[in-house]
Amino acid sequence: MFAFVKKFRSFVAGDRRGVTALEYGLIAAVIGGVVITAATNFGTSLSSAYSTIGSALTTKAAGI
């Protein structure tokens, strides 16, 4: 039993591909979160700008 555990541990300890994949996955998740946050904030700002322009145009159109 101990021989199996030793072989398994040496196999897992020697293989770093899983760790590298995990690191890349975490980096991708962080970048994705930043992109989503930036897009949400930009969308909110853009919506506010369009609302302001729309209100100004409505006010001008009502005055004509």
N, C-alpha and C. Protein backbone atom coordinates (compact mmCIF):
# COMPACT_ATOMS: atom_id res chain seq x y z
N MET A 1 0.82 -1.20 0.00
CA MET A 1 0.00 0.00 0.00
C MET A 1 0.87 1.27 0.00
N PHE A 2 1.91 1.25 0.83
CA PHE A 2 2.77 2.42 0.90
C PHE A 2 3.52 2.65 -0.40
N ALA A 3 3.86 1.56 -1.08
CA ALA A 3 4.56 1.69 -2.35
C ALA A 3 3.67 2.40 -3.37
N PHE A 4 2.40 2.06 -3.38
CA PHE A 4 1.46 2.71 -4.30
C PHE A 4 1.34 4.20 -3.99
N VAL A 5 1.22 4.54 -2.72
CA VAL A 5 1.11 5.94 -2.31
C VAL A 5 2.37 6.70 -2.68
N LYS A 6 3.54 6.10 -2.48
CA LYS A 6 4.80 6.76 -2.84
C LYS A 6 4.88 6.99 -4.34
N LYS A 7 4.50 6.00 -5.14
CA LYS A 7 4.52 6.16 -6.59
C LYS A 7 3.55 7.24 -7.04
N PHE A 8 2.37 7.24 -6.44
CA PHE A 8 1.36 8.24 -6.79
C PHE A 8 1.83 9.64 -6.44
N ARG A 9 2.41 9.80 -5.26
CA ARG A 9 2.90 11.11 -4.85
C ARG A 9 4.02 11.60 -5.74
N SER A 10 4.92 10.70 -6.12
CA SER A 10 6.02 11.12 -7.00
C SER A 10 5.50 11.47 -8.38
N PHE A 11 4.48 10.76 -8.83
CA PHE A 11 3.87 11.07 -10.14
C PHE A 11 3.20 12.44 -10.11
N VAL A 12 2.44 12.70 -9.07
CA VAL A 12 1.71 13.97 -8.96
C VAL A 12 2.67 15.12 -8.71
N ALA A 13 3.69 14.91 -7.88
CA ALA A 13 4.64 15.97 -7.56
C ALA A 13 5.49 16.35 -8.77
N GLY A 14 5.77 15.40 -9.64
CA GLY A 14 6.61 15.68 -10.79
C GLY A 14 5.87 16.34 -11.93
N ASP A 15 4.56 16.28 -11.95
CA ASP A 15 3.78 16.81 -13.06
C ASP A 15 3.27 18.20 -12.71
N ARG A 16 3.78 19.23 -13.37
CA ARG A 16 3.40 20.61 -13.07
C ARG A 16 2.38 21.15 -14.05
N ARG A 17 1.94 20.34 -15.01
CA ARG A 17 1.00 20.83 -16.01
C ARG A 17 -0.33 21.25 -15.40
N GLY A 18 -0.77 20.53 -14.40
CA GLY A 18 -2.03 20.88 -13.75
C GLY A 18 -1.97 22.23 -13.05
N VAL A 19 -0.85 22.49 -12.41
CA VAL A 19 -0.67 23.76 -11.71
C VAL A 19 -0.63 24.91 -12.72
N THR A 20 0.06 24.69 -13.82
CA THR A 20 0.13 25.73 -14.85
C THR A 20 -1.24 26.00 -15.44
N ALA A 21 -2.00 24.95 -15.69
CA ALA A 21 -3.35 25.12 -16.23
C ALA A 21 -4.22 25.88 -15.23
N LEU A 22 -4.07 25.58 -13.97
CA LEU A 22 -4.84 26.28 -12.93
C LEU A 22 -4.46 27.76 -12.89
N GLU A 23 -3.18 28.06 -13.01
CA GLU A 23 -2.76 29.46 -13.02
C GLU A 23 -3.33 30.21 -14.22
N TYR A 24 -3.27 29.59 -15.38
CA TYR A 24 -3.84 30.22 -16.57
C TYR A 24 -5.35 30.41 -16.41
N GLY A 25 -6.01 29.45 -15.80
CA GLY A 25 -7.45 29.57 -15.56
C GLY A 25 -7.77 30.73 -14.63
N LEU A 26 -6.98 30.89 -13.58
CA LEU A 26 -7.20 32.02 -12.66
C LEU A 26 -6.95 33.35 -13.34
N ILE A 27 -5.90 33.41 -14.15
CA ILE A 27 -5.61 34.66 -14.88
C ILE A 27 -6.76 34.99 -15.82
N ALA A 28 -7.27 33.98 -16.53
CA ALA A 28 -8.39 34.21 -17.44
C ALA A 28 -9.63 34.66 -16.69
N ALA A 29 -9.87 34.10 -15.51
CA ALA A 29 -11.03 34.50 -14.72
C ALA A 29 -10.91 35.95 -14.25
N VAL A 30 -9.73 36.35 -13.82
CA VAL A 30 -9.52 37.74 -13.38
C VAL A 30 -9.70 38.70 -14.55
N ILE A 31 -9.11 38.37 -15.69
CA ILE A 31 -9.25 39.23 -16.87
C ILE A 31 -10.71 39.31 -17.28
N GLY A 32 -11.42 38.19 -17.25
CA GLY A 32 -12.84 38.20 -17.58
C GLY A 32 -13.64 39.08 -16.64
N GLY A 33 -13.33 39.02 -15.36
CA GLY A 33 -14.02 39.88 -14.39
C GLY A 33 -13.77 41.35 -14.63
N VAL A 34 -12.54 41.68 -14.97
CA VAL A 34 -12.21 43.08 -15.27
C VAL A 34 -12.94 43.55 -16.51
N VAL A 35 -12.99 42.71 -17.55
CA VAL A 35 -13.68 43.09 -18.78
C VAL A 35 -15.17 43.28 -18.52
N ILE A 36 -15.78 42.39 -17.76
CA ILE A 36 -17.22 42.51 -17.46
C ILE A 36 -17.49 43.77 -16.65
N THR A 37 -16.65 44.05 -15.66
CA THR A 37 -16.83 45.26 -14.85
C THR A 37 -16.68 46.52 -15.70
N ALA A 38 -15.67 46.55 -16.56
CA ALA A 38 -15.47 47.72 -17.41
C ALA A 38 -16.62 47.90 -18.38
N ALA A 39 -17.10 46.81 -18.96
CA ALA A 39 -18.22 46.91 -19.90
C ALA A 39 -19.49 47.38 -19.21
N THR A 40 -19.72 46.91 -18.00
CA THR A 40 -20.89 47.34 -17.24
C THR A 40 -20.82 48.84 -16.93
N ASN A 41 -19.66 49.28 -16.46
CA ASN A 41 -19.50 50.71 -16.14
C ASN A 41 -19.62 51.57 -17.39
N PHE A 42 -19.02 51.13 -18.48
CA PHE A 42 -19.11 51.87 -19.73
C PHE A 42 -20.56 51.92 -20.22
N GLY A 43 -21.26 50.81 -20.11
CA GLY A 43 -22.66 50.77 -20.53
C GLY A 43 -23.52 51.70 -19.70
N THR A 44 -23.27 51.77 -18.41
CA THR A 44 -24.02 52.68 -17.54
C THR A 44 -23.74 54.13 -17.91
N SER A 45 -22.49 54.45 -18.15
CA SER A 45 -22.12 55.82 -18.55
C SER A 45 -22.74 56.18 -19.89
N LEU A 46 -22.70 55.25 -20.83
CA LEU A 46 -23.26 55.49 -22.15
C LEU A 46 -24.77 55.69 -22.07
N SER A 47 -25.43 54.89 -21.25
CA SER A 47 -26.87 55.03 -21.08
C SER A 47 -27.22 56.38 -20.48
N SER A 48 -26.42 56.81 -19.51
CA SER A 48 -26.65 58.12 -18.89
C SER A 48 -26.45 59.24 -19.91
N ALA A 49 -25.44 59.13 -20.75
CA ALA A 49 -25.19 60.15 -21.77
C ALA A 49 -26.34 60.21 -22.76
N TYR A 50 -26.83 59.05 -23.22
CA TYR A 50 -27.96 59.03 -24.15
C TYR A 50 -29.23 59.60 -23.51
N SER A 51 -29.43 59.33 -22.24
CA SER A 51 -30.60 59.88 -21.55
C SER A 51 -30.52 61.40 -21.48
N THR A 52 -29.33 61.92 -21.18
CA THR A 52 -29.14 63.36 -21.12
C THR A 52 -29.38 64.00 -22.48
N ILE A 53 -28.84 63.40 -23.53
CA ILE A 53 -29.03 63.92 -24.88
C ILE A 53 -30.50 63.85 -25.28
N GLY A 54 -31.14 62.73 -24.94
CA GLY A 54 -32.56 62.58 -25.26
C GLY A 54 -33.43 63.61 -24.56
N SER A 55 -33.14 63.87 -23.29
CA SER A 55 -33.89 64.88 -22.54
C SER A 55 -33.68 66.27 -23.13
N ALA A 56 -32.45 66.57 -23.51
CA ALA A 56 -32.16 67.88 -24.10
C ALA A 56 -32.88 68.04 -25.43
N LEU A 57 -32.90 67.00 -26.25
CA LEU A 57 -33.59 67.06 -27.53
C LEU A 57 -35.10 67.19 -27.34
N THR A 58 -35.64 66.49 -26.38
CA THR A 58 -37.08 66.59 -26.09
C THR A 58 -37.46 67.98 -25.63
N THR A 59 -36.61 68.56 -24.78
CA THR A 59 -36.87 69.93 -24.30
C THR A 59 -36.80 70.93 -25.46
N LYS A 60 -35.80 70.78 -26.31
CA LYS A 60 -35.67 71.69 -27.47
C LYS A 60 -36.83 71.51 -28.44
N ALA A 61 -37.23 70.26 -28.66
CA ALA A 61 -38.33 70.00 -29.60
C ALA A 61 -39.64 70.53 -29.06
N ALA A 62 -39.85 70.51 -27.75
CA ALA A 62 -41.09 71.02 -27.18
C ALA A 62 -41.14 72.56 -27.24
N GLY A 63 -39.98 73.19 -27.26
CA GLY A 63 -39.91 74.64 -27.31
C GLY A 63 -40.10 75.21 -28.71
N ILE A 64 -40.03 74.35 -29.73
CA ILE A 64 -40.14 74.85 -31.10
C ILE A 64 -41.57 75.04 -31.48
